[in-house]
PDBML (XML) file of the C-alpha atoms, coordinates in Angstrom:
<?xml version="1.0" encoding="UTF-8" ?>
<PDBx:datablock datablockName="MODEL"
   xmlns:PDBx="http://pdbml.pdb.org/schema/pdbx-v50.xsd"
   xmlns:xsi="http://www.w3.org/2001/XMLSchema-instance"
   xsi:schemaLocation="http://pdbml.pdb.org/schema/pdbx-v50.xsd pdbx-v50.xsd">
   <PDBx:atom_siteCategory>
      <PDBx:atom_site id="1">
         <PDBx:B_iso_or_equiv>0.00</PDBx:B_iso_or_equiv>
         <PDBx:Cartn_x>159.884</PDBx:Cartn_x>
         <PDBx:Cartn_y>98.793</PDBx:Cartn_y>
         <PDBx:Cartn_z>213.466</PDBx:Cartn_z>
         <PDBx:auth_asym_id>A</PDBx:auth_asym_id>
         <PDBx:auth_atom_id>CA</PDBx:auth_atom_id>
         <PDBx:auth_comp_id>PRO</PDBx:auth_comp_id>
         <PDBx:auth_seq_id>1</PDBx:auth_seq_id>
         <PDBx:group_PDB>ATOM</PDBx:group_PDB>
         <PDBx:label_alt_id xsi:nil="true" />
         <PDBx:label_asym_id>A</PDBx:label_asym_id>
         <PDBx:label_atom_id>CA</PDBx:label_atom_id>
         <PDBx:label_comp_id>PRO</PDBx:label_comp_id>
         <PDBx:label_entity_id>1</PDBx:label_entity_id>
         <PDBx:label_seq_id>1</PDBx:label_seq_id>
         <PDBx:occupancy>1.00</PDBx:occupancy>
         <PDBx:pdbx_PDB_model_num>1</PDBx:pdbx_PDB_model_num>
         <PDBx:type_symbol>C</PDBx:type_symbol>
      </PDBx:atom_site>
      <PDBx:atom_site id="2">
         <PDBx:B_iso_or_equiv>0.00</PDBx:B_iso_or_equiv>
         <PDBx:Cartn_x>161.427</PDBx:Cartn_x>
         <PDBx:Cartn_y>95.395</PDBx:Cartn_y>
         <PDBx:Cartn_z>214.252</PDBx:Cartn_z>
         <PDBx:auth_asym_id>A</PDBx:auth_asym_id>
         <PDBx:auth_atom_id>CA</PDBx:auth_atom_id>
         <PDBx:auth_comp_id>ALA</PDBx:auth_comp_id>
         <PDBx:auth_seq_id>2</PDBx:auth_seq_id>
         <PDBx:group_PDB>ATOM</PDBx:group_PDB>
         <PDBx:label_alt_id xsi:nil="true" />
         <PDBx:label_asym_id>A</PDBx:label_asym_id>
         <PDBx:label_atom_id>CA</PDBx:label_atom_id>
         <PDBx:label_comp_id>ALA</PDBx:label_comp_id>
         <PDBx:label_entity_id>1</PDBx:label_entity_id>
         <PDBx:label_seq_id>2</PDBx:label_seq_id>
         <PDBx:occupancy>1.00</PDBx:occupancy>
         <PDBx:pdbx_PDB_model_num>1</PDBx:pdbx_PDB_model_num>
         <PDBx:type_symbol>C</PDBx:type_symbol>
      </PDBx:atom_site>
      <PDBx:atom_site id="3">
         <PDBx:B_iso_or_equiv>0.00</PDBx:B_iso_or_equiv>
         <PDBx:Cartn_x>164.873</PDBx:Cartn_x>
         <PDBx:Cartn_y>96.831</PDBx:Cartn_y>
         <PDBx:Cartn_z>213.447</PDBx:Cartn_z>
         <PDBx:auth_asym_id>A</PDBx:auth_asym_id>
         <PDBx:auth_atom_id>CA</PDBx:auth_atom_id>
         <PDBx:auth_comp_id>ALA</PDBx:auth_comp_id>
         <PDBx:auth_seq_id>3</PDBx:auth_seq_id>
         <PDBx:group_PDB>ATOM</PDBx:group_PDB>
         <PDBx:label_alt_id xsi:nil="true" />
         <PDBx:label_asym_id>A</PDBx:label_asym_id>
         <PDBx:label_atom_id>CA</PDBx:label_atom_id>
         <PDBx:label_comp_id>ALA</PDBx:label_comp_id>
         <PDBx:label_entity_id>1</PDBx:label_entity_id>
         <PDBx:label_seq_id>3</PDBx:label_seq_id>
         <PDBx:occupancy>1.00</PDBx:occupancy>
         <PDBx:pdbx_PDB_model_num>1</PDBx:pdbx_PDB_model_num>
         <PDBx:type_symbol>C</PDBx:type_symbol>
      </PDBx:atom_site>
      <PDBx:atom_site id="4">
         <PDBx:B_iso_or_equiv>0.00</PDBx:B_iso_or_equiv>
         <PDBx:Cartn_x>165.036</PDBx:Cartn_x>
         <PDBx:Cartn_y>99.273</PDBx:Cartn_y>
         <PDBx:Cartn_z>216.380</PDBx:Cartn_z>
         <PDBx:auth_asym_id>A</PDBx:auth_asym_id>
         <PDBx:auth_atom_id>CA</PDBx:auth_atom_id>
         <PDBx:auth_comp_id>VAL</PDBx:auth_comp_id>
         <PDBx:auth_seq_id>4</PDBx:auth_seq_id>
         <PDBx:group_PDB>ATOM</PDBx:group_PDB>
         <PDBx:label_alt_id xsi:nil="true" />
         <PDBx:label_asym_id>A</PDBx:label_asym_id>
         <PDBx:label_atom_id>CA</PDBx:label_atom_id>
         <PDBx:label_comp_id>VAL</PDBx:label_comp_id>
         <PDBx:label_entity_id>1</PDBx:label_entity_id>
         <PDBx:label_seq_id>4</PDBx:label_seq_id>
         <PDBx:occupancy>1.00</PDBx:occupancy>
         <PDBx:pdbx_PDB_model_num>1</PDBx:pdbx_PDB_model_num>
         <PDBx:type_symbol>C</PDBx:type_symbol>
      </PDBx:atom_site>
      <PDBx:atom_site id="5">
         <PDBx:B_iso_or_equiv>0.00</PDBx:B_iso_or_equiv>
         <PDBx:Cartn_x>163.359</PDBx:Cartn_x>
         <PDBx:Cartn_y>99.643</PDBx:Cartn_y>
         <PDBx:Cartn_z>219.783</PDBx:Cartn_z>
         <PDBx:auth_asym_id>A</PDBx:auth_asym_id>
         <PDBx:auth_atom_id>CA</PDBx:auth_atom_id>
         <PDBx:auth_comp_id>PRO</PDBx:auth_comp_id>
         <PDBx:auth_seq_id>5</PDBx:auth_seq_id>
         <PDBx:group_PDB>ATOM</PDBx:group_PDB>
         <PDBx:label_alt_id xsi:nil="true" />
         <PDBx:label_asym_id>A</PDBx:label_asym_id>
         <PDBx:label_atom_id>CA</PDBx:label_atom_id>
         <PDBx:label_comp_id>PRO</PDBx:label_comp_id>
         <PDBx:label_entity_id>1</PDBx:label_entity_id>
         <PDBx:label_seq_id>5</PDBx:label_seq_id>
         <PDBx:occupancy>1.00</PDBx:occupancy>
         <PDBx:pdbx_PDB_model_num>1</PDBx:pdbx_PDB_model_num>
         <PDBx:type_symbol>C</PDBx:type_symbol>
      </PDBx:atom_site>
      <PDBx:atom_site id="6">
         <PDBx:B_iso_or_equiv>0.00</PDBx:B_iso_or_equiv>
         <PDBx:Cartn_x>160.347</PDBx:Cartn_x>
         <PDBx:Cartn_y>101.922</PDBx:Cartn_y>
         <PDBx:Cartn_z>220.055</PDBx:Cartn_z>
         <PDBx:auth_asym_id>A</PDBx:auth_asym_id>
         <PDBx:auth_atom_id>CA</PDBx:auth_atom_id>
         <PDBx:auth_comp_id>ALA</PDBx:auth_comp_id>
         <PDBx:auth_seq_id>6</PDBx:auth_seq_id>
         <PDBx:group_PDB>ATOM</PDBx:group_PDB>
         <PDBx:label_alt_id xsi:nil="true" />
         <PDBx:label_asym_id>A</PDBx:label_asym_id>
         <PDBx:label_atom_id>CA</PDBx:label_atom_id>
         <PDBx:label_comp_id>ALA</PDBx:label_comp_id>
         <PDBx:label_entity_id>1</PDBx:label_entity_id>
         <PDBx:label_seq_id>6</PDBx:label_seq_id>
         <PDBx:occupancy>1.00</PDBx:occupancy>
         <PDBx:pdbx_PDB_model_num>1</PDBx:pdbx_PDB_model_num>
         <PDBx:type_symbol>C</PDBx:type_symbol>
      </PDBx:atom_site>
      <PDBx:atom_site id="7">
         <PDBx:B_iso_or_equiv>0.00</PDBx:B_iso_or_equiv>
         <PDBx:Cartn_x>160.657</PDBx:Cartn_x>
         <PDBx:Cartn_y>105.217</PDBx:Cartn_y>
         <PDBx:Cartn_z>221.876</PDBx:Cartn_z>
         <PDBx:auth_asym_id>A</PDBx:auth_asym_id>
         <PDBx:auth_atom_id>CA</PDBx:auth_atom_id>
         <PDBx:auth_comp_id>GLU</PDBx:auth_comp_id>
         <PDBx:auth_seq_id>7</PDBx:auth_seq_id>
         <PDBx:group_PDB>ATOM</PDBx:group_PDB>
         <PDBx:label_alt_id xsi:nil="true" />
         <PDBx:label_asym_id>A</PDBx:label_asym_id>
         <PDBx:label_atom_id>CA</PDBx:label_atom_id>
         <PDBx:label_comp_id>GLU</PDBx:label_comp_id>
         <PDBx:label_entity_id>1</PDBx:label_entity_id>
         <PDBx:label_seq_id>7</PDBx:label_seq_id>
         <PDBx:occupancy>1.00</PDBx:occupancy>
         <PDBx:pdbx_PDB_model_num>1</PDBx:pdbx_PDB_model_num>
         <PDBx:type_symbol>C</PDBx:type_symbol>
      </PDBx:atom_site>
      <PDBx:atom_site id="8">
         <PDBx:B_iso_or_equiv>0.00</PDBx:B_iso_or_equiv>
         <PDBx:Cartn_x>157.217</PDBx:Cartn_x>
         <PDBx:Cartn_y>105.624</PDBx:Cartn_y>
         <PDBx:Cartn_z>223.521</PDBx:Cartn_z>
         <PDBx:auth_asym_id>A</PDBx:auth_asym_id>
         <PDBx:auth_atom_id>CA</PDBx:auth_atom_id>
         <PDBx:auth_comp_id>ARG</PDBx:auth_comp_id>
         <PDBx:auth_seq_id>8</PDBx:auth_seq_id>
         <PDBx:group_PDB>ATOM</PDBx:group_PDB>
         <PDBx:label_alt_id xsi:nil="true" />
         <PDBx:label_asym_id>A</PDBx:label_asym_id>
         <PDBx:label_atom_id>CA</PDBx:label_atom_id>
         <PDBx:label_comp_id>ARG</PDBx:label_comp_id>
         <PDBx:label_entity_id>1</PDBx:label_entity_id>
         <PDBx:label_seq_id>8</PDBx:label_seq_id>
         <PDBx:occupancy>1.00</PDBx:occupancy>
         <PDBx:pdbx_PDB_model_num>1</PDBx:pdbx_PDB_model_num>
         <PDBx:type_symbol>C</PDBx:type_symbol>
      </PDBx:atom_site>
      <PDBx:atom_site id="9">
         <PDBx:B_iso_or_equiv>0.00</PDBx:B_iso_or_equiv>
         <PDBx:Cartn_x>156.204</PDBx:Cartn_x>
         <PDBx:Cartn_y>108.988</PDBx:Cartn_y>
         <PDBx:Cartn_z>224.950</PDBx:Cartn_z>
         <PDBx:auth_asym_id>A</PDBx:auth_asym_id>
         <PDBx:auth_atom_id>CA</PDBx:auth_atom_id>
         <PDBx:auth_comp_id>PHE</PDBx:auth_comp_id>
         <PDBx:auth_seq_id>9</PDBx:auth_seq_id>
         <PDBx:group_PDB>ATOM</PDBx:group_PDB>
         <PDBx:label_alt_id xsi:nil="true" />
         <PDBx:label_asym_id>A</PDBx:label_asym_id>
         <PDBx:label_atom_id>CA</PDBx:label_atom_id>
         <PDBx:label_comp_id>PHE</PDBx:label_comp_id>
         <PDBx:label_entity_id>1</PDBx:label_entity_id>
         <PDBx:label_seq_id>9</PDBx:label_seq_id>
         <PDBx:occupancy>1.00</PDBx:occupancy>
         <PDBx:pdbx_PDB_model_num>1</PDBx:pdbx_PDB_model_num>
         <PDBx:type_symbol>C</PDBx:type_symbol>
      </PDBx:atom_site>
      <PDBx:atom_site id="10">
         <PDBx:B_iso_or_equiv>0.00</PDBx:B_iso_or_equiv>
         <PDBx:Cartn_x>153.304</PDBx:Cartn_x>
         <PDBx:Cartn_y>111.323</PDBx:Cartn_y>
         <PDBx:Cartn_z>225.673</PDBx:Cartn_z>
         <PDBx:auth_asym_id>A</PDBx:auth_asym_id>
         <PDBx:auth_atom_id>CA</PDBx:auth_atom_id>
         <PDBx:auth_comp_id>THR</PDBx:auth_comp_id>
         <PDBx:auth_seq_id>10</PDBx:auth_seq_id>
         <PDBx:group_PDB>ATOM</PDBx:group_PDB>
         <PDBx:label_alt_id xsi:nil="true" />
         <PDBx:label_asym_id>A</PDBx:label_asym_id>
         <PDBx:label_atom_id>CA</PDBx:label_atom_id>
         <PDBx:label_comp_id>THR</PDBx:label_comp_id>
         <PDBx:label_entity_id>1</PDBx:label_entity_id>
         <PDBx:label_seq_id>10</PDBx:label_seq_id>
         <PDBx:occupancy>1.00</PDBx:occupancy>
         <PDBx:pdbx_PDB_model_num>1</PDBx:pdbx_PDB_model_num>
         <PDBx:type_symbol>C</PDBx:type_symbol>
      </PDBx:atom_site>
      <PDBx:atom_site id="11">
         <PDBx:B_iso_or_equiv>0.00</PDBx:B_iso_or_equiv>
         <PDBx:Cartn_x>153.032</PDBx:Cartn_x>
         <PDBx:Cartn_y>114.766</PDBx:Cartn_y>
         <PDBx:Cartn_z>224.097</PDBx:Cartn_z>
         <PDBx:auth_asym_id>A</PDBx:auth_asym_id>
         <PDBx:auth_atom_id>CA</PDBx:auth_atom_id>
         <PDBx:auth_comp_id>ALA</PDBx:auth_comp_id>
         <PDBx:auth_seq_id>11</PDBx:auth_seq_id>
         <PDBx:group_PDB>ATOM</PDBx:group_PDB>
         <PDBx:label_alt_id xsi:nil="true" />
         <PDBx:label_asym_id>A</PDBx:label_asym_id>
         <PDBx:label_atom_id>CA</PDBx:label_atom_id>
         <PDBx:label_comp_id>ALA</PDBx:label_comp_id>
         <PDBx:label_entity_id>1</PDBx:label_entity_id>
         <PDBx:label_seq_id>11</PDBx:label_seq_id>
         <PDBx:occupancy>1.00</PDBx:occupancy>
         <PDBx:pdbx_PDB_model_num>1</PDBx:pdbx_PDB_model_num>
         <PDBx:type_symbol>C</PDBx:type_symbol>
      </PDBx:atom_site>
      <PDBx:atom_site id="12">
         <PDBx:B_iso_or_equiv>0.00</PDBx:B_iso_or_equiv>
         <PDBx:Cartn_x>154.074</PDBx:Cartn_x>
         <PDBx:Cartn_y>117.672</PDBx:Cartn_y>
         <PDBx:Cartn_z>226.316</PDBx:Cartn_z>
         <PDBx:auth_asym_id>A</PDBx:auth_asym_id>
         <PDBx:auth_atom_id>CA</PDBx:auth_atom_id>
         <PDBx:auth_comp_id>ALA</PDBx:auth_comp_id>
         <PDBx:auth_seq_id>12</PDBx:auth_seq_id>
         <PDBx:group_PDB>ATOM</PDBx:group_PDB>
         <PDBx:label_alt_id xsi:nil="true" />
         <PDBx:label_asym_id>A</PDBx:label_asym_id>
         <PDBx:label_atom_id>CA</PDBx:label_atom_id>
         <PDBx:label_comp_id>ALA</PDBx:label_comp_id>
         <PDBx:label_entity_id>1</PDBx:label_entity_id>
         <PDBx:label_seq_id>12</PDBx:label_seq_id>
         <PDBx:occupancy>1.00</PDBx:occupancy>
         <PDBx:pdbx_PDB_model_num>1</PDBx:pdbx_PDB_model_num>
         <PDBx:type_symbol>C</PDBx:type_symbol>
      </PDBx:atom_site>
      <PDBx:atom_site id="13">
         <PDBx:B_iso_or_equiv>0.00</PDBx:B_iso_or_equiv>
         <PDBx:Cartn_x>151.087</PDBx:Cartn_x>
         <PDBx:Cartn_y>119.346</PDBx:Cartn_y>
         <PDBx:Cartn_z>228.041</PDBx:Cartn_z>
         <PDBx:auth_asym_id>A</PDBx:auth_asym_id>
         <PDBx:auth_atom_id>CA</PDBx:auth_atom_id>
         <PDBx:auth_comp_id>PRO</PDBx:auth_comp_id>
         <PDBx:auth_seq_id>13</PDBx:auth_seq_id>
         <PDBx:group_PDB>ATOM</PDBx:group_PDB>
         <PDBx:label_alt_id xsi:nil="true" />
         <PDBx:label_asym_id>A</PDBx:label_asym_id>
         <PDBx:label_atom_id>CA</PDBx:label_atom_id>
         <PDBx:label_comp_id>PRO</PDBx:label_comp_id>
         <PDBx:label_entity_id>1</PDBx:label_entity_id>
         <PDBx:label_seq_id>13</PDBx:label_seq_id>
         <PDBx:occupancy>1.00</PDBx:occupancy>
         <PDBx:pdbx_PDB_model_num>1</PDBx:pdbx_PDB_model_num>
         <PDBx:type_symbol>C</PDBx:type_symbol>
      </PDBx:atom_site>
      <PDBx:atom_site id="14">
         <PDBx:B_iso_or_equiv>0.00</PDBx:B_iso_or_equiv>
         <PDBx:Cartn_x>151.523</PDBx:Cartn_x>
         <PDBx:Cartn_y>122.573</PDBx:Cartn_y>
         <PDBx:Cartn_z>226.035</PDBx:Cartn_z>
         <PDBx:auth_asym_id>A</PDBx:auth_asym_id>
         <PDBx:auth_atom_id>CA</PDBx:auth_atom_id>
         <PDBx:auth_comp_id>GLU</PDBx:auth_comp_id>
         <PDBx:auth_seq_id>14</PDBx:auth_seq_id>
         <PDBx:group_PDB>ATOM</PDBx:group_PDB>
         <PDBx:label_alt_id xsi:nil="true" />
         <PDBx:label_asym_id>A</PDBx:label_asym_id>
         <PDBx:label_atom_id>CA</PDBx:label_atom_id>
         <PDBx:label_comp_id>GLU</PDBx:label_comp_id>
         <PDBx:label_entity_id>1</PDBx:label_entity_id>
         <PDBx:label_seq_id>14</PDBx:label_seq_id>
         <PDBx:occupancy>1.00</PDBx:occupancy>
         <PDBx:pdbx_PDB_model_num>1</PDBx:pdbx_PDB_model_num>
         <PDBx:type_symbol>C</PDBx:type_symbol>
      </PDBx:atom_site>
      <PDBx:atom_site id="15">
         <PDBx:B_iso_or_equiv>0.00</PDBx:B_iso_or_equiv>
         <PDBx:Cartn_x>151.293</PDBx:Cartn_x>
         <PDBx:Cartn_y>120.590</PDBx:Cartn_y>
         <PDBx:Cartn_z>222.780</PDBx:Cartn_z>
         <PDBx:auth_asym_id>A</PDBx:auth_asym_id>
         <PDBx:auth_atom_id>CA</PDBx:auth_atom_id>
         <PDBx:auth_comp_id>LYS</PDBx:auth_comp_id>
         <PDBx:auth_seq_id>15</PDBx:auth_seq_id>
         <PDBx:group_PDB>ATOM</PDBx:group_PDB>
         <PDBx:label_alt_id xsi:nil="true" />
         <PDBx:label_asym_id>A</PDBx:label_asym_id>
         <PDBx:label_atom_id>CA</PDBx:label_atom_id>
         <PDBx:label_comp_id>LYS</PDBx:label_comp_id>
         <PDBx:label_entity_id>1</PDBx:label_entity_id>
         <PDBx:label_seq_id>15</PDBx:label_seq_id>
         <PDBx:occupancy>1.00</PDBx:occupancy>
         <PDBx:pdbx_PDB_model_num>1</PDBx:pdbx_PDB_model_num>
         <PDBx:type_symbol>C</PDBx:type_symbol>
      </PDBx:atom_site>
      <PDBx:atom_site id="16">
         <PDBx:B_iso_or_equiv>0.00</PDBx:B_iso_or_equiv>
         <PDBx:Cartn_x>148.326</PDBx:Cartn_x>
         <PDBx:Cartn_y>118.428</PDBx:Cartn_y>
         <PDBx:Cartn_z>223.767</PDBx:Cartn_z>
         <PDBx:auth_asym_id>A</PDBx:auth_asym_id>
         <PDBx:auth_atom_id>CA</PDBx:auth_atom_id>
         <PDBx:auth_comp_id>LEU</PDBx:auth_comp_id>
         <PDBx:auth_seq_id>16</PDBx:auth_seq_id>
         <PDBx:group_PDB>ATOM</PDBx:group_PDB>
         <PDBx:label_alt_id xsi:nil="true" />
         <PDBx:label_asym_id>A</PDBx:label_asym_id>
         <PDBx:label_atom_id>CA</PDBx:label_atom_id>
         <PDBx:label_comp_id>LEU</PDBx:label_comp_id>
         <PDBx:label_entity_id>1</PDBx:label_entity_id>
         <PDBx:label_seq_id>16</PDBx:label_seq_id>
         <PDBx:occupancy>1.00</PDBx:occupancy>
         <PDBx:pdbx_PDB_model_num>1</PDBx:pdbx_PDB_model_num>
         <PDBx:type_symbol>C</PDBx:type_symbol>
      </PDBx:atom_site>
      <PDBx:atom_site id="17">
         <PDBx:B_iso_or_equiv>0.00</PDBx:B_iso_or_equiv>
         <PDBx:Cartn_x>144.974</PDBx:Cartn_x>
         <PDBx:Cartn_y>119.959</PDBx:Cartn_y>
         <PDBx:Cartn_z>222.767</PDBx:Cartn_z>
         <PDBx:auth_asym_id>A</PDBx:auth_asym_id>
         <PDBx:auth_atom_id>CA</PDBx:auth_atom_id>
         <PDBx:auth_comp_id>ALA</PDBx:auth_comp_id>
         <PDBx:auth_seq_id>17</PDBx:auth_seq_id>
         <PDBx:group_PDB>ATOM</PDBx:group_PDB>
         <PDBx:label_alt_id xsi:nil="true" />
         <PDBx:label_asym_id>A</PDBx:label_asym_id>
         <PDBx:label_atom_id>CA</PDBx:label_atom_id>
         <PDBx:label_comp_id>ALA</PDBx:label_comp_id>
         <PDBx:label_entity_id>1</PDBx:label_entity_id>
         <PDBx:label_seq_id>17</PDBx:label_seq_id>
         <PDBx:occupancy>1.00</PDBx:occupancy>
         <PDBx:pdbx_PDB_model_num>1</PDBx:pdbx_PDB_model_num>
         <PDBx:type_symbol>C</PDBx:type_symbol>
      </PDBx:atom_site>
      <PDBx:atom_site id="18">
         <PDBx:B_iso_or_equiv>0.00</PDBx:B_iso_or_equiv>
         <PDBx:Cartn_x>142.871</PDBx:Cartn_x>
         <PDBx:Cartn_y>116.754</PDBx:Cartn_y>
         <PDBx:Cartn_z>223.041</PDBx:Cartn_z>
         <PDBx:auth_asym_id>A</PDBx:auth_asym_id>
         <PDBx:auth_atom_id>CA</PDBx:auth_atom_id>
         <PDBx:auth_comp_id>ALA</PDBx:auth_comp_id>
         <PDBx:auth_seq_id>18</PDBx:auth_seq_id>
         <PDBx:group_PDB>ATOM</PDBx:group_PDB>
         <PDBx:label_alt_id xsi:nil="true" />
         <PDBx:label_asym_id>A</PDBx:label_asym_id>
         <PDBx:label_atom_id>CA</PDBx:label_atom_id>
         <PDBx:label_comp_id>ALA</PDBx:label_comp_id>
         <PDBx:label_entity_id>1</PDBx:label_entity_id>
         <PDBx:label_seq_id>18</PDBx:label_seq_id>
         <PDBx:occupancy>1.00</PDBx:occupancy>
         <PDBx:pdbx_PDB_model_num>1</PDBx:pdbx_PDB_model_num>
         <PDBx:type_symbol>C</PDBx:type_symbol>
      </PDBx:atom_site>
      <PDBx:atom_site id="19">
         <PDBx:B_iso_or_equiv>0.00</PDBx:B_iso_or_equiv>
         <PDBx:Cartn_x>143.290</PDBx:Cartn_x>
         <PDBx:Cartn_y>113.016</PDBx:Cartn_y>
         <PDBx:Cartn_z>223.562</PDBx:Cartn_z>
         <PDBx:auth_asym_id>A</PDBx:auth_asym_id>
         <PDBx:auth_atom_id>CA</PDBx:auth_atom_id>
         <PDBx:auth_comp_id>GLY</PDBx:auth_comp_id>
         <PDBx:auth_seq_id>19</PDBx:auth_seq_id>
         <PDBx:group_PDB>ATOM</PDBx:group_PDB>
         <PDBx:label_alt_id xsi:nil="true" />
         <PDBx:label_asym_id>A</PDBx:label_asym_id>
         <PDBx:label_atom_id>CA</PDBx:label_atom_id>
         <PDBx:label_comp_id>GLY</PDBx:label_comp_id>
         <PDBx:label_entity_id>1</PDBx:label_entity_id>
         <PDBx:label_seq_id>19</PDBx:label_seq_id>
         <PDBx:occupancy>1.00</PDBx:occupancy>
         <PDBx:pdbx_PDB_model_num>1</PDBx:pdbx_PDB_model_num>
         <PDBx:type_symbol>C</PDBx:type_symbol>
      </PDBx:atom_site>
      <PDBx:atom_site id="20">
         <PDBx:B_iso_or_equiv>0.00</PDBx:B_iso_or_equiv>
         <PDBx:Cartn_x>145.973</PDBx:Cartn_x>
         <PDBx:Cartn_y>111.025</PDBx:Cartn_y>
         <PDBx:Cartn_z>225.378</PDBx:Cartn_z>
         <PDBx:auth_asym_id>A</PDBx:auth_asym_id>
         <PDBx:auth_atom_id>CA</PDBx:auth_atom_id>
         <PDBx:auth_comp_id>SER</PDBx:auth_comp_id>
         <PDBx:auth_seq_id>20</PDBx:auth_seq_id>
         <PDBx:group_PDB>ATOM</PDBx:group_PDB>
         <PDBx:label_alt_id xsi:nil="true" />
         <PDBx:label_asym_id>A</PDBx:label_asym_id>
         <PDBx:label_atom_id>CA</PDBx:label_atom_id>
         <PDBx:label_comp_id>SER</PDBx:label_comp_id>
         <PDBx:label_entity_id>1</PDBx:label_entity_id>
         <PDBx:label_seq_id>20</PDBx:label_seq_id>
         <PDBx:occupancy>1.00</PDBx:occupancy>
         <PDBx:pdbx_PDB_model_num>1</PDBx:pdbx_PDB_model_num>
         <PDBx:type_symbol>C</PDBx:type_symbol>
      </PDBx:atom_site>
      <PDBx:atom_site id="21">
         <PDBx:B_iso_or_equiv>0.00</PDBx:B_iso_or_equiv>
         <PDBx:Cartn_x>148.988</PDBx:Cartn_x>
         <PDBx:Cartn_y>112.312</PDBx:Cartn_y>
         <PDBx:Cartn_z>223.431</PDBx:Cartn_z>
         <PDBx:auth_asym_id>A</PDBx:auth_asym_id>
         <PDBx:auth_atom_id>CA</PDBx:auth_atom_id>
         <PDBx:auth_comp_id>GLY</PDBx:auth_comp_id>
         <PDBx:auth_seq_id>21</PDBx:auth_seq_id>
         <PDBx:group_PDB>ATOM</PDBx:group_PDB>
         <PDBx:label_alt_id xsi:nil="true" />
         <PDBx:label_asym_id>A</PDBx:label_asym_id>
         <PDBx:label_atom_id>CA</PDBx:label_atom_id>
         <PDBx:label_comp_id>GLY</PDBx:label_comp_id>
         <PDBx:label_entity_id>1</PDBx:label_entity_id>
         <PDBx:label_seq_id>21</PDBx:label_seq_id>
         <PDBx:occupancy>1.00</PDBx:occupancy>
         <PDBx:pdbx_PDB_model_num>1</PDBx:pdbx_PDB_model_num>
         <PDBx:type_symbol>C</PDBx:type_symbol>
      </PDBx:atom_site>
      <PDBx:atom_site id="22">
         <PDBx:B_iso_or_equiv>0.00</PDBx:B_iso_or_equiv>
         <PDBx:Cartn_x>150.393</PDBx:Cartn_x>
         <PDBx:Cartn_y>108.765</PDBx:Cartn_y>
         <PDBx:Cartn_z>223.322</PDBx:Cartn_z>
         <PDBx:auth_asym_id>A</PDBx:auth_asym_id>
         <PDBx:auth_atom_id>CA</PDBx:auth_atom_id>
         <PDBx:auth_comp_id>ASP</PDBx:auth_comp_id>
         <PDBx:auth_seq_id>22</PDBx:auth_seq_id>
         <PDBx:group_PDB>ATOM</PDBx:group_PDB>
         <PDBx:label_alt_id xsi:nil="true" />
         <PDBx:label_asym_id>A</PDBx:label_asym_id>
         <PDBx:label_atom_id>CA</PDBx:label_atom_id>
         <PDBx:label_comp_id>ASP</PDBx:label_comp_id>
         <PDBx:label_entity_id>1</PDBx:label_entity_id>
         <PDBx:label_seq_id>22</PDBx:label_seq_id>
         <PDBx:occupancy>1.00</PDBx:occupancy>
         <PDBx:pdbx_PDB_model_num>1</PDBx:pdbx_PDB_model_num>
         <PDBx:type_symbol>C</PDBx:type_symbol>
      </PDBx:atom_site>
      <PDBx:atom_site id="23">
         <PDBx:B_iso_or_equiv>0.00</PDBx:B_iso_or_equiv>
         <PDBx:Cartn_x>152.993</PDBx:Cartn_x>
         <PDBx:Cartn_y>108.343</PDBx:Cartn_y>
         <PDBx:Cartn_z>220.570</PDBx:Cartn_z>
         <PDBx:auth_asym_id>A</PDBx:auth_asym_id>
         <PDBx:auth_atom_id>CA</PDBx:auth_atom_id>
         <PDBx:auth_comp_id>GLN</PDBx:auth_comp_id>
         <PDBx:auth_seq_id>23</PDBx:auth_seq_id>
         <PDBx:group_PDB>ATOM</PDBx:group_PDB>
         <PDBx:label_alt_id xsi:nil="true" />
         <PDBx:label_asym_id>A</PDBx:label_asym_id>
         <PDBx:label_atom_id>CA</PDBx:label_atom_id>
         <PDBx:label_comp_id>GLN</PDBx:label_comp_id>
         <PDBx:label_entity_id>1</PDBx:label_entity_id>
         <PDBx:label_seq_id>23</PDBx:label_seq_id>
         <PDBx:occupancy>1.00</PDBx:occupancy>
         <PDBx:pdbx_PDB_model_num>1</PDBx:pdbx_PDB_model_num>
         <PDBx:type_symbol>C</PDBx:type_symbol>
      </PDBx:atom_site>
      <PDBx:atom_site id="24">
         <PDBx:B_iso_or_equiv>0.00</PDBx:B_iso_or_equiv>
         <PDBx:Cartn_x>155.811</PDBx:Cartn_x>
         <PDBx:Cartn_y>106.040</PDBx:Cartn_y>
         <PDBx:Cartn_z>219.526</PDBx:Cartn_z>
         <PDBx:auth_asym_id>A</PDBx:auth_asym_id>
         <PDBx:auth_atom_id>CA</PDBx:auth_atom_id>
         <PDBx:auth_comp_id>ALA</PDBx:auth_comp_id>
         <PDBx:auth_seq_id>24</PDBx:auth_seq_id>
         <PDBx:group_PDB>ATOM</PDBx:group_PDB>
         <PDBx:label_alt_id xsi:nil="true" />
         <PDBx:label_asym_id>A</PDBx:label_asym_id>
         <PDBx:label_atom_id>CA</PDBx:label_atom_id>
         <PDBx:label_comp_id>ALA</PDBx:label_comp_id>
         <PDBx:label_entity_id>1</PDBx:label_entity_id>
         <PDBx:label_seq_id>24</PDBx:label_seq_id>
         <PDBx:occupancy>1.00</PDBx:occupancy>
         <PDBx:pdbx_PDB_model_num>1</PDBx:pdbx_PDB_model_num>
         <PDBx:type_symbol>C</PDBx:type_symbol>
      </PDBx:atom_site>
   </PDBx:atom_siteCategory>
</PDBx:datablock>
């Protein structure tokens, strides 16, 4: 992960069933 920048995002509402949906 130190080799490239993180792409941080939240799951699309239609994909999110529970939780924050936070991903990287």
